[in-house]
Amino acid sequence: MRITIQKSEFEKIYNYALLQLPDEACGLIAGYDKEEGSREIRKVYLLTNTDHTNEHFSIDPREQLQAVREMRAEGLKPLGNWHSHPETPSRPSEEDKRLANDPNASYLILSLEEKERPVLNAFHVESVNGDKVVRKEELVIVQEVENG
């Protein structure tokens, strides 16, 4: 799967994650599934990590519901979620894999291991014969995308 995200939306994630340090930051991603099997992230939602820890996150359920309502009102589709890893690489932890229960979701992880060089990756996680299988998705940061 190829996923595009506007540079301005990437910067929202990065700046919010820096503000939430030392805790993990989290949120949702919304946009469109394209005909050729790619995804276009059009909007990032910055939500509260109710766990307030640098090791895992839980999205505030009220904020999540409000974000999904807003997505639908704007004609966007929920595409998955994002979170930061303040001190570790941009790859799913064992807990991330265990909690990834939506086979249609894309999971974005921003590593702040080197704060001046953030690394954002996208992953697909699904259960196969009881095991969680992780596949890295192609993530492209673009300047701007055309409306529509």
N, C-alpha and C. Protein backbone atom coordinates (compact mmCIF):
# COMPACT_ATOMS: atom_id res chain seq x y z
N MET A 1 0.86 -1.19 0.00
CA MET A 1 0.00 0.00 0.00
C MET A 1 0.89 1.24 0.00
N ARG A 2 0.53 2.18 -0.83
CA ARG A 2 1.22 3.48 -0.87
C ARG A 2 0.33 4.51 -0.19
N ILE A 3 0.90 5.24 0.75
CA ILE A 3 0.16 6.25 1.50
C ILE A 3 0.84 7.59 1.30
N THR A 4 0.05 8.62 1.01
CA THR A 4 0.61 9.97 0.94
C THR A 4 0.07 10.80 2.10
N ILE A 5 0.92 11.67 2.59
CA ILE A 5 0.53 12.62 3.64
C ILE A 5 1.16 13.96 3.29
N GLN A 6 0.38 15.01 3.45
CA GLN A 6 0.91 16.35 3.18
C GLN A 6 1.96 16.72 4.23
N LYS A 7 2.96 17.44 3.79
CA LYS A 7 4.03 17.88 4.69
C LYS A 7 3.45 18.65 5.88
N SER A 8 2.45 19.47 5.64
CA SER A 8 1.85 20.26 6.73
C SER A 8 1.20 19.35 7.78
N GLU A 9 0.63 18.22 7.36
CA GLU A 9 0.01 17.28 8.31
C GLU A 9 1.09 16.51 9.06
N PHE A 10 2.17 16.14 8.36
CA PHE A 10 3.31 15.52 9.03
C PHE A 10 3.86 16.46 10.11
N GLU A 11 4.00 17.73 9.77
CA GLU A 11 4.53 18.70 10.72
C GLU A 11 3.61 18.86 11.94
N LYS A 12 2.30 18.75 11.73
CA LYS A 12 1.37 18.78 12.87
C LYS A 12 1.67 17.63 13.83
N ILE A 13 1.86 16.43 13.28
CA ILE A 13 2.17 15.27 14.11
C ILE A 13 3.47 15.50 14.87
N TYR A 14 4.50 15.91 14.14
CA TYR A 14 5.83 16.10 14.73
C TYR A 14 5.80 17.15 15.84
N ASN A 15 5.22 18.30 15.56
CA ASN A 15 5.18 19.37 16.57
C ASN A 15 4.37 18.98 17.79
N TYR A 16 3.25 18.30 17.58
CA TYR A 16 2.42 17.86 18.71
C TYR A 16 3.18 16.82 19.54
N ALA A 17 3.86 15.90 18.86
CA ALA A 17 4.62 14.88 19.58
C ALA A 17 5.73 15.52 20.43
N LEU A 18 6.39 16.54 19.89
CA LEU A 18 7.41 17.24 20.68
C LEU A 18 6.79 17.89 21.92
N LEU A 19 5.61 18.47 21.77
CA LEU A 19 4.94 19.13 22.90
C LEU A 19 4.53 18.14 23.98
N GLN A 20 4.27 16.90 23.59
CA GLN A 20 3.79 15.89 24.55
C GLN A 20 4.92 15.16 25.28
N LEU A 21 6.16 15.40 24.86
CA LEU A 21 7.28 14.74 25.52
C LEU A 21 7.27 15.00 27.02
N PRO A 22 7.62 14.06 27.85
CA PRO A 22 8.22 12.77 27.52
C PRO A 22 7.19 11.68 27.17
N ASP A 23 5.91 12.01 27.15
CA ASP A 23 4.88 11.01 26.88
C ASP A 23 4.75 10.72 25.39
N GLU A 24 4.16 9.56 25.08
CA GLU A 24 3.77 9.28 23.70
C GLU A 24 2.61 10.20 23.35
N ALA A 25 2.60 10.65 22.11
CA ALA A 25 1.47 11.42 21.58
C ALA A 25 0.68 10.48 20.68
N CYS A 26 -0.58 10.82 20.42
CA CYS A 26 -1.40 9.93 19.61
C CYS A 26 -2.51 10.71 18.90
N GLY A 27 -3.11 10.05 17.95
CA GLY A 27 -4.22 10.66 17.23
C GLY A 27 -4.73 9.74 16.14
N LEU A 28 -5.57 10.29 15.29
CA LEU A 28 -6.17 9.53 14.20
C LEU A 28 -5.77 10.15 12.87
N ILE A 29 -5.91 9.34 11.81
CA ILE A 29 -5.67 9.83 10.46
C ILE A 29 -6.92 9.58 9.63
N ALA A 30 -7.21 10.52 8.73
CA ALA A 30 -8.41 10.41 7.90
C ALA A 30 -8.08 10.84 6.48
N GLY A 31 -8.85 10.32 5.55
CA GLY A 31 -8.64 10.69 4.16
C GLY A 31 -9.44 9.82 3.23
N TYR A 32 -8.77 9.31 2.18
CA TYR A 32 -9.45 8.56 1.14
C TYR A 32 -8.66 7.32 0.77
N ASP A 33 -9.38 6.25 0.45
CA ASP A 33 -8.79 5.10 -0.24
C ASP A 33 -8.95 5.38 -1.72
N LYS A 34 -7.86 5.31 -2.45
CA LYS A 34 -7.89 5.59 -3.89
C LYS A 34 -8.12 4.29 -4.66
N GLU A 35 -8.58 4.43 -5.90
CA GLU A 35 -8.90 3.27 -6.72
C GLU A 35 -7.71 2.35 -6.96
N GLU A 36 -6.53 2.89 -7.11
CA GLU A 36 -5.36 2.07 -7.43
C GLU A 36 -4.76 1.38 -6.21
N GLY A 37 -5.48 1.37 -5.09
CA GLY A 37 -5.00 0.69 -3.90
C GLY A 37 -4.10 1.52 -3.02
N SER A 38 -4.09 2.82 -3.23
CA SER A 38 -3.29 3.70 -2.38
C SER A 38 -4.22 4.47 -1.44
N ARG A 39 -3.61 5.13 -0.49
CA ARG A 39 -4.36 5.94 0.48
C ARG A 39 -3.81 7.35 0.48
N GLU A 40 -4.71 8.28 0.74
CA GLU A 40 -4.32 9.68 0.84
C GLU A 40 -4.80 10.22 2.18
N ILE A 41 -3.84 10.54 3.05
CA ILE A 41 -4.19 11.13 4.35
C ILE A 41 -4.43 12.62 4.10
N ARG A 42 -5.62 13.08 4.42
CA ARG A 42 -5.96 14.49 4.22
C ARG A 42 -5.98 15.27 5.52
N LYS A 43 -6.22 14.56 6.64
CA LYS A 43 -6.31 15.28 7.91
C LYS A 43 -5.82 14.39 9.05
N VAL A 44 -5.05 15.02 9.93
CA VAL A 44 -4.53 14.36 11.12
C VAL A 44 -5.26 14.94 12.33
N TYR A 45 -5.63 14.08 13.24
CA TYR A 45 -6.29 14.51 14.47
C TYR A 45 -5.32 14.31 15.63
N LEU A 46 -5.15 15.34 16.43
CA LEU A 46 -4.25 15.33 17.57
C LEU A 46 -5.09 15.09 18.82
N LEU A 47 -4.94 13.92 19.43
CA LEU A 47 -5.80 13.54 20.54
C LEU A 47 -4.97 13.32 21.81
N THR A 48 -5.65 13.18 22.92
CA THR A 48 -5.01 13.05 24.23
C THR A 48 -4.67 11.59 24.52
N ASN A 49 -3.43 11.38 24.95
CA ASN A 49 -3.01 10.07 25.46
C ASN A 49 -3.40 10.04 26.94
N THR A 50 -4.47 9.33 27.24
CA THR A 50 -4.97 9.31 28.62
C THR A 50 -4.06 8.53 29.56
N ASP A 51 -3.10 7.77 29.02
CA ASP A 51 -2.17 7.02 29.87
C ASP A 51 -1.04 7.90 30.39
N HIS A 52 -0.73 8.98 29.68
CA HIS A 52 0.33 9.91 30.08
C HIS A 52 1.62 9.18 30.44
N THR A 53 2.12 8.39 29.48
CA THR A 53 3.36 7.65 29.68
C THR A 53 4.15 7.62 28.38
N ASN A 54 5.43 7.32 28.48
CA ASN A 54 6.27 7.25 27.28
C ASN A 54 6.35 5.83 26.73
N GLU A 55 5.59 4.90 27.29
CA GLU A 55 5.67 3.50 26.87
C GLU A 55 4.46 3.00 26.11
N HIS A 56 3.34 3.67 26.22
CA HIS A 56 2.14 3.25 25.49
C HIS A 56 1.13 4.38 25.50
N PHE A 57 0.04 4.17 24.77
CA PHE A 57 -0.98 5.22 24.69
C PHE A 57 -2.37 4.61 24.69
N SER A 58 -3.31 5.40 25.15
CA SER A 58 -4.74 5.13 25.01
C SER A 58 -5.37 6.44 24.57
N ILE A 59 -6.11 6.38 23.48
CA ILE A 59 -6.77 7.58 22.96
C ILE A 59 -8.01 7.88 23.79
N ASP A 60 -8.18 9.15 24.13
CA ASP A 60 -9.37 9.58 24.86
C ASP A 60 -10.61 9.21 24.04
N PRO A 61 -11.51 8.37 24.59
CA PRO A 61 -12.66 7.91 23.80
C PRO A 61 -13.61 9.02 23.35
N ARG A 62 -13.79 10.03 24.17
CA ARG A 62 -14.69 11.14 23.77
C ARG A 62 -14.09 11.91 22.59
N GLU A 63 -12.78 12.17 22.67
CA GLU A 63 -12.10 12.87 21.57
C GLU A 63 -12.13 12.02 20.30
N GLN A 64 -11.96 10.70 20.45
CA GLN A 64 -11.98 9.81 19.30
C GLN A 64 -13.35 9.86 18.61
N LEU A 65 -14.41 9.78 19.39
CA LEU A 65 -15.76 9.83 18.83
C LEU A 65 -16.01 11.16 18.12
N GLN A 66 -15.58 12.26 18.74
CA GLN A 66 -15.74 13.58 18.12
C GLN A 66 -14.96 13.67 16.81
N ALA A 67 -13.75 13.12 16.80
CA ALA A 67 -12.93 13.16 15.58
C ALA A 67 -13.59 12.36 14.46
N VAL A 68 -14.13 11.20 14.77
CA VAL A 68 -14.79 10.38 13.75
C VAL A 68 -16.03 11.09 13.22
N ARG A 69 -16.77 11.73 14.09
CA ARG A 69 -17.95 12.50 13.64
C ARG A 69 -17.52 13.61 12.68
N GLU A 70 -16.44 14.31 13.05
CA GLU A 70 -15.94 15.40 12.21
C GLU A 70 -15.47 14.87 10.85
N MET A 71 -14.77 13.73 10.87
CA MET A 71 -14.32 13.12 9.61
C MET A 71 -15.50 12.87 8.68
N ARG A 72 -16.50 12.22 9.22
CA ARG A 72 -17.66 11.86 8.40
C ARG A 72 -18.38 13.10 7.89
N ALA A 73 -18.47 14.13 8.73
CA ALA A 73 -19.12 15.37 8.31
C ALA A 73 -18.35 16.03 7.16
N GLU A 74 -17.04 15.81 7.13
CA GLU A 74 -16.20 16.39 6.08
C GLU A 74 -16.02 15.45 4.89
N GLY A 75 -16.70 14.30 4.92
CA GLY A 75 -16.60 13.35 3.81
C GLY A 75 -15.31 12.56 3.80
N LEU A 76 -14.63 12.48 4.93
CA LEU A 76 -13.39 11.72 5.03
C LEU A 76 -13.65 10.37 5.67
N LYS A 77 -12.75 9.43 5.41
CA LYS A 77 -12.85 8.09 5.96
C LYS A 77 -11.78 7.90 7.02
N PRO A 78 -12.12 7.28 8.16
CA PRO A 78 -11.07 6.94 9.12
C PRO A 78 -10.11 5.93 8.48
N LEU A 79 -8.81 6.24 8.50
CA LEU A 79 -7.82 5.36 7.88
C LEU A 79 -6.95 4.62 8.89
N GLY A 80 -6.97 5.07 10.14
CA GLY A 80 -6.15 4.43 11.16
C GLY A 80 -5.74 5.42 12.22
N ASN A 81 -4.61 5.12 12.87
CA ASN A 81 -4.14 6.02 13.92
C ASN A 81 -2.64 6.23 13.81
N TRP A 82 -2.17 7.16 14.62
CA TRP A 82 -0.74 7.45 14.69
C TRP A 82 -0.36 7.61 16.14
N HIS A 83 0.89 7.33 16.44
CA HIS A 83 1.42 7.63 17.77
C HIS A 83 2.93 7.80 17.67
N SER A 84 3.49 8.36 18.71
CA SER A 84 4.93 8.60 18.72
C SER A 84 5.64 7.60 19.62
N HIS A 85 6.88 7.37 19.31
CA HIS A 85 7.79 6.63 20.18
C HIS A 85 8.87 7.62 20.59
N PRO A 86 8.77 8.18 21.80
CA PRO A 86 9.71 9.21 22.22
C PRO A 86 11.17 8.77 22.25
N GLU A 87 11.44 7.49 22.53
CA GLU A 87 12.82 7.05 22.73
C GLU A 87 13.20 5.81 21.94
N THR A 88 12.31 5.32 21.09
CA THR A 88 12.57 4.07 20.38
C THR A 88 12.30 4.23 18.88
N PRO A 89 12.76 3.27 18.08
CA PRO A 89 12.59 3.38 16.62
C PRO A 89 11.13 3.36 16.17
N SER A 90 10.95 3.73 14.92
CA SER A 90 9.63 3.78 14.29
C SER A 90 9.25 2.40 13.76
N ARG A 91 8.86 1.55 14.69
CA ARG A 91 8.35 0.21 14.34
C ARG A 91 7.43 -0.23 15.47
N PRO A 92 6.47 -1.08 15.15
CA PRO A 92 5.51 -1.50 16.18
C PRO A 92 6.17 -2.29 17.31
N SER A 93 5.85 -1.90 18.53
CA SER A 93 6.29 -2.67 19.69
C SER A 93 5.40 -3.91 19.80
N GLU A 94 5.74 -4.80 20.71
CA GLU A 94 4.89 -5.98 20.92
C GLU A 94 3.49 -5.56 21.35
N GLU A 95 3.42 -4.53 22.19
CA GLU A 95 2.10 -4.04 22.62
C GLU A 95 1.35 -3.41 21.45
N ASP A 96 2.05 -2.65 20.60
CA ASP A 96 1.40 -2.07 19.43
C ASP A 96 0.78 -3.17 18.57
N LYS A 97 1.53 -4.25 18.35
CA LYS A 97 1.02 -5.36 17.54
C LYS A 97 -0.18 -6.02 18.21
N ARG A 98 -0.07 -6.24 19.51
CA ARG A 98 -1.15 -6.89 20.25
C ARG A 98 -2.45 -6.09 20.18
N LEU A 99 -2.33 -4.76 20.22
CA LEU A 99 -3.51 -3.89 20.23
C LEU A 99 -4.01 -3.51 18.84
N ALA A 100 -3.29 -3.89 17.80
CA ALA A 100 -3.69 -3.57 16.42
C ALA A 100 -4.73 -4.60 15.97
N ASN A 101 -5.99 -4.25 16.09
CA ASN A 101 -7.06 -5.20 15.81
C ASN A 101 -7.89 -4.87 14.58
N ASP A 102 -7.56 -3.81 13.87
CA ASP A 102 -8.32 -3.45 12.67
C ASP A 102 -7.48 -3.76 11.44
N PRO A 103 -7.84 -4.82 10.70
CA PRO A 103 -7.03 -5.21 9.53
C PRO A 103 -7.10 -4.20 8.38
N ASN A 104 -8.01 -3.24 8.46
CA ASN A 104 -8.13 -2.21 7.42
C ASN A 104 -7.37 -0.93 7.77
N ALA A 105 -6.85 -0.86 8.98
CA ALA A 105 -6.20 0.37 9.45
C ALA A 105 -4.74 0.44 9.04
N SER A 106 -4.28 1.66 8.86
CA SER A 106 -2.86 1.95 8.74
C SER A 106 -2.41 2.53 10.07
N TYR A 107 -1.25 2.09 10.52
CA TYR A 107 -0.71 2.53 11.80
C TYR A 107 0.57 3.31 11.54
N LEU A 108 0.55 4.60 11.86
CA LEU A 108 1.72 5.45 11.67
C LEU A 108 2.44 5.59 13.00
N ILE A 109 3.76 5.44 12.95
CA ILE A 109 4.57 5.58 14.16
C ILE A 109 5.69 6.58 13.88
N LEU A 110 5.75 7.60 14.72
CA LEU A 110 6.77 8.64 14.61
C LEU A 110 7.81 8.41 15.69
N SER A 111 9.06 8.16 15.27
CA SER A 111 10.15 8.02 16.23
C SER A 111 10.79 9.37 16.48
N LEU A 112 10.94 9.68 17.76
CA LEU A 112 11.67 10.88 18.18
C LEU A 112 12.98 10.50 18.85
N GLU A 113 13.47 9.31 18.52
CA GLU A 113 14.73 8.84 19.08
C GLU A 113 15.83 9.87 18.83
N GLU A 114 15.85 10.44 17.62
CA GLU A 114 16.69 11.59 17.30
C GLU A 114 15.73 12.73 16.96
N LYS A 115 15.47 13.59 17.94
CA LYS A 115 14.42 14.60 17.80
C LYS A 115 14.57 15.51 16.58
N GLU A 116 15.82 15.79 16.19
CA GLU A 116 16.04 16.66 15.04
C GLU A 116 15.84 15.91 13.72
N ARG A 117 15.77 14.59 13.79
CA ARG A 117 15.56 13.76 12.61
C ARG A 117 14.43 12.78 12.86
N PRO A 118 13.21 13.27 12.89
CA PRO A 118 12.08 12.39 13.16
C PRO A 118 11.90 11.38 12.01
N VAL A 119 11.45 10.20 12.36
CA VAL A 119 11.20 9.15 11.37
C VAL A 119 9.75 8.71 11.49
N LEU A 120 9.00 8.88 10.41
CA LEU A 120 7.59 8.47 10.38
C LEU A 120 7.45 7.30 9.41
N ASN A 121 6.91 6.20 9.90
CA ASN A 121 6.65 5.03 9.07
C ASN A 121 5.20 4.61 9.22
N ALA A 122 4.71 3.89 8.22
CA ALA A 122 3.34 3.36 8.23
C ALA A 122 3.41 1.84 8.19
N PHE A 123 2.47 1.22 8.89
CA PHE A 123 2.44 -0.24 8.97
C PHE A 123 1.01 -0.76 8.83
N HIS A 124 0.94 -1.97 8.33
CA HIS A 124 -0.32 -2.73 8.27
C HIS A 124 -0.09 -3.93 9.19
N VAL A 125 -1.04 -4.20 10.08
CA VAL A 125 -0.92 -5.32 11.01
C VAL A 125 -2.18 -6.16 10.89
N GLU A 126 -1.99 -7.46 10.70
CA GLU A 126 -3.15 -8.34 10.67
C GLU A 126 -2.82 -9.67 11.33
N SER A 127 -3.85 -10.35 11.77
CA SER A 127 -3.69 -11.67 12.38
C SER A 127 -3.71 -12.73 11.30
N VAL A 128 -2.71 -13.60 11.33
CA VAL A 128 -2.63 -14.73 10.40
C VAL A 128 -2.34 -15.97 11.24
N ASN A 129 -3.31 -16.87 11.29
CA ASN A 129 -3.16 -18.11 12.08
C ASN A 129 -2.77 -17.82 13.52
N GLY A 130 -3.38 -16.78 14.09
CA GLY A 130 -3.13 -16.44 15.49
C GLY A 130 -1.90 -15.58 15.74
N ASP A 131 -1.11 -15.33 14.71
CA ASP A 131 0.08 -14.49 14.85
C ASP A 131 -0.17 -13.13 14.23
N LYS A 132 0.42 -12.08 14.80
CA LYS A 132 0.32 -10.75 14.23
C LYS A 132 1.45 -10.58 13.20
N VAL A 133 1.04 -10.27 11.98
CA VAL A 133 1.99 -10.08 10.89
C VAL A 133 2.04 -8.59 10.57
N VAL A 134 3.25 -8.02 10.58
CA VAL A 134 3.44 -6.60 10.33
C VAL A 134 4.06 -6.43 8.95
N ARG A 135 3.47 -5.53 8.17
CA ARG A 135 4.02 -5.20 6.86
C ARG A 135 4.19 -3.68 6.81
N LYS A 136 5.38 -3.25 6.44
CA LYS A 136 5.62 -1.81 6.30
C LYS A 136 4.96 -1.33 5.02
N GLU A 137 4.30 -0.19 5.11
CA GLU A 137 3.64 0.42 3.96
C GLU A 137 4.51 1.57 3.45
N GLU A 138 4.43 1.84 2.16
CA GLU A 138 5.18 2.95 1.59
C GLU A 138 4.50 4.26 2.02
N LEU A 139 5.25 5.14 2.64
CA LEU A 139 4.72 6.42 3.09
C LEU A 139 5.48 7.53 2.40
N VAL A 140 4.74 8.39 1.72
CA VAL A 140 5.35 9.49 0.96
C VAL A 140 4.82 10.81 1.50
N ILE A 141 5.75 11.69 1.89
CA ILE A 141 5.37 13.03 2.35
C ILE A 141 5.40 13.94 1.13
N VAL A 142 4.26 14.56 0.82
CA VAL A 142 4.14 15.42 -0.36
C VAL A 142 3.93 16.86 0.10
N GLN A 143 4.28 17.81 -0.78
CA GLN A 143 4.11 19.22 -0.44
C GLN A 143 2.63 19.56 -0.23
N GLU A 144 1.84 19.29 -1.22
CA GLU A 144 0.40 19.54 -1.16
C GLU A 144 -0.29 18.54 -2.05
N VAL A 145 -1.54 18.26 -1.75
CA VAL A 145 -2.34 17.41 -2.64
C VAL A 145 -3.49 18.25 -3.16
N GLU A 146 -3.94 17.89 -4.34
CA GLU A 146 -5.04 18.63 -4.93
C GLU A 146 -6.33 18.27 -4.22
N ASN A 147 -7.26 19.18 -4.16
CA ASN A 147 -8.56 18.90 -3.55
C ASN A 147 -9.30 17.88 -4.40
N GLY A 148 -10.04 17.03 -3.68
CA GLY A 148 -10.89 16.07 -4.37
C GLY A 148 -10.49 14.69 -4.24
